[in-house]
C-alpha cells in the first residue's frame, strides 16, 4: 500500500508551518485594517452613542485611522471611489 503524499511531505518538513500560516493571516488582517482605517473609524462613529460596542470600535479604529492618514494609505481608496463616481454618473 502506497503512503499518502501528505504524510511524506509532512515528514520531510515540506510546506508551510502552522505558525507561518497564522503569521500570514495576521499580517493580512493588519494590512487590511490599515488600508481601511479611515472608513472603519467613520463606520464606528455612526454607531449608537453610549453603547459599549461603539466605545470599543472607536477606541480600536482611532489608531488605525491615524496610522492610515500618516502613511497616506487612504489616497488610493479615495482615487478609486472618485473614479467610480465619475464613470457611473449619468
C-alpha atoms as a PDB file:
ATOM      1  CA  UNK A   1       0.000   0.000   0.000  1.00  0.00           C
ATOM      2  CA  UNK A   2       1.348   3.399  -1.009  1.00  0.00           C
ATOM      3  CA  UNK A   3       1.786   6.106   1.632  1.00  0.00           C
ATOM      4  CA  UNK A   4      -0.268   9.254   1.199  1.00  0.00           C
ATOM      5  CA  UNK A   5       1.690  12.167  -0.250  1.00  0.00           C
ATOM      6  CA  UNK A   6       0.652  14.397   2.652  1.00  0.00           C
ATOM      7  CA  UNK A   7       2.408  12.147   5.173  1.00  0.00           C
ATOM      8  CA  UNK A   8       5.610  12.055   3.157  1.00  0.00           C
ATOM      9  CA  UNK A   9       5.632  15.850   2.805  1.00  0.00           C
ATOM     10  CA  UNK A  10       4.929  16.291   6.499  1.00  0.00           C
ATOM     11  CA  UNK A  11       7.807  14.009   7.471  1.00  0.00           C
ATOM     12  CA  UNK A  12      10.149  15.899   5.117  1.00  0.00           C
ATOM     13  CA  UNK A  13       9.205  19.168   6.741  1.00  0.00           C
ATOM     14  CA  UNK A  14       7.918  20.488   3.429  1.00  0.00           C
ATOM     15  CA  UNK A  15       5.130  23.005   3.205  1.00  0.00           C
ATOM     16  CA  UNK A  16       4.123  25.853   5.442  1.00  0.00           C
ATOM     17  CA  UNK A  17       4.114  25.545   9.212  1.00  0.00           C
ATOM     18  CA  UNK A  18       1.032  26.360  11.250  1.00  0.00           C
ATOM     19  CA  UNK A  19       2.863  29.312  12.805  1.00  0.00           C
ATOM     20  CA  UNK A  20       3.665  30.605   9.311  1.00  0.00           C
ATOM     21  CA  UNK A  21       0.027  30.407   8.320  1.00  0.00           C
ATOM     22  CA  UNK A  22      -1.040  32.243  11.483  1.00  0.00           C
ATOM     23  CA  UNK A  23       1.540  34.952  10.817  1.00  0.00           C
ATOM     24  CA  UNK A  24       0.402  35.366   7.209  1.00  0.00           C
ATOM     25  CA  UNK A  25      -3.260  35.634   8.227  1.00  0.00           C
ATOM     26  CA  UNK A  26      -2.388  38.143  10.956  1.00  0.00           C
ATOM     27  CA  UNK A  27      -0.386  40.300   8.544  1.00  0.00           C
ATOM     28  CA  UNK A  28      -3.251  40.122   6.029  1.00  0.00           C
ATOM     29  CA  UNK A  29      -5.772  41.433   8.555  1.00  0.00           C
ATOM     30  CA  UNK A  30      -3.471  44.160   9.924  1.00  0.00           C
ATOM     31  CA  UNK A  31      -2.698  45.440   6.409  1.00  0.00           C
ATOM     32  CA  UNK A  32      -6.397  45.297   5.520  1.00  0.00           C
ATOM     33  CA  UNK A  33      -7.320  47.226   8.660  1.00  0.00           C
ATOM     34  CA  UNK A  34      -4.673  49.860   7.916  1.00  0.00           C
ATOM     35  CA  UNK A  35      -5.819  50.260   4.329  1.00  0.00           C
ATOM     36  CA  UNK A  36      -9.398  50.701   5.526  1.00  0.00           C
ATOM     37  CA  UNK A  37      -8.623  52.551   8.787  1.00  0.00           C
ATOM     38  CA  UNK A  38     -10.353  55.809   7.954  1.00  0.00           C
ATOM     39  CA  UNK A  39     -13.547  54.071   6.870  1.00  0.00           C
ATOM     40  CA  UNK A  40     -13.503  51.783   9.908  1.00  0.00           C
ATOM     41  CA  UNK A  41     -13.424  54.870  12.131  1.00  0.00           C
ATOM     42  CA  UNK A  42     -16.202  56.564  10.167  1.00  0.00           C
ATOM     43  CA  UNK A  43     -18.370  53.466  10.485  1.00  0.00           C
ATOM     44  CA  UNK A  44     -17.618  53.104  14.204  1.00  0.00           C
ATOM     45  CA  UNK A  45     -18.587  56.725  14.809  1.00  0.00           C
ATOM     46  CA  UNK A  46     -22.012  56.152  13.245  1.00  0.00           C
ATOM     47  CA  UNK A  47     -22.897  53.553  15.855  1.00  0.00           C
ATOM     48  CA  UNK A  48     -25.293  54.437  18.682  1.00  0.00           C
ATOM     49  CA  UNK A  49     -23.718  56.826  21.185  1.00  0.00           C
ATOM     50  CA  UNK A  50     -23.110  55.360  24.618  1.00  0.00           C
ATOM     51  CA  UNK A  51     -23.093  51.742  23.513  1.00  0.00           C
ATOM     52  CA  UNK A  52     -20.161  49.627  24.710  1.00  0.00           C
ATOM     53  CA  UNK A  53     -19.664  48.298  21.171  1.00  0.00           C
ATOM     54  CA  UNK A  54     -19.216  51.829  19.822  1.00  0.00           C
ATOM     55  CA  UNK A  55     -16.710  52.659  22.554  1.00  0.00           C
ATOM     56  CA  UNK A  56     -14.614  49.602  21.751  1.00  0.00           C
ATOM     57  CA  UNK A  57     -14.841  50.080  17.977  1.00  0.00           C
ATOM     58  CA  UNK A  58     -13.904  53.760  18.109  1.00  0.00           C
ATOM     59  CA  UNK A  59     -11.033  53.053  20.507  1.00  0.00           C
ATOM     60  CA  UNK A  60      -9.697  50.365  18.172  1.00  0.00           C
ATOM     61  CA  UNK A  61     -10.257  52.332  14.954  1.00  0.00           C
ATOM     62  CA  UNK A  62      -8.713  55.660  16.025  1.00  0.00           C
ATOM     63  CA  UNK A  63      -5.087  54.432  15.996  1.00  0.00           C
ATOM     64  CA  UNK A  64      -5.694  52.597  12.722  1.00  0.00           C
ATOM     65  CA  UNK A  65      -7.120  55.736  11.119  1.00  0.00           C
ATOM     66  CA  UNK A  66      -4.249  57.846  12.447  1.00  0.00           C
ATOM     67  CA  UNK A  67      -1.689  55.405  11.042  1.00  0.00           C
ATOM     68  CA  UNK A  68      -3.533  55.259   7.718  1.00  0.00           C
ATOM     69  CA  UNK A  69      -3.546  59.068   7.494  1.00  0.00           C
ATOM     70  CA  UNK A  70       0.141  59.319   8.442  1.00  0.00           C
ATOM     71  CA  UNK A  71       1.079  56.752   5.795  1.00  0.00           C
ATOM     72  CA  UNK A  72      -1.353  58.209   3.210  1.00  0.00           C
ATOM     73  CA  UNK A  73      -2.989  54.805   2.793  1.00  0.00           C
ATOM     74  CA  UNK A  74      -6.419  56.275   2.147  1.00  0.00           C
ATOM     75  CA  UNK A  75      -5.374  58.034  -1.065  1.00  0.00           C
ATOM     76  CA  UNK A  76      -5.754  55.001  -3.373  1.00  0.00           C
ATOM     77  CA  UNK A  77      -9.214  54.265  -1.992  1.00  0.00           C
ATOM     78  CA  UNK A  78     -10.330  57.874  -2.457  1.00  0.00           C
ATOM     79  CA  UNK A  79      -8.967  57.899  -6.010  1.00  0.00           C
ATOM     80  CA  UNK A  80     -10.792  54.674  -6.873  1.00  0.00           C
ATOM     81  CA  UNK A  81     -14.039  55.941  -5.322  1.00  0.00           C
ATOM     82  CA  UNK A  82     -13.754  59.217  -7.270  1.00  0.00           C
ATOM     83  CA  UNK A  83     -13.123  57.284 -10.490  1.00  0.00           C
ATOM     84  CA  UNK A  84     -16.135  55.024  -9.870  1.00  0.00           C
ATOM     85  CA  UNK A  85     -18.291  58.091  -9.192  1.00  0.00           C
ATOM     86  CA  UNK A  86     -17.135  59.678 -12.460  1.00  0.00           C
ATOM     87  CA  UNK A  87     -17.813  56.640 -14.623  1.00  0.00           C
ATOM     88  CA  UNK A  88     -21.154  55.830 -13.010  1.00  0.00           C
ATOM     89  CA  UNK A  89     -22.530  59.395 -13.118  1.00  0.00           C
ATOM     90  CA  UNK A  90     -25.296  59.790 -15.714  1.00  0.00           C
END
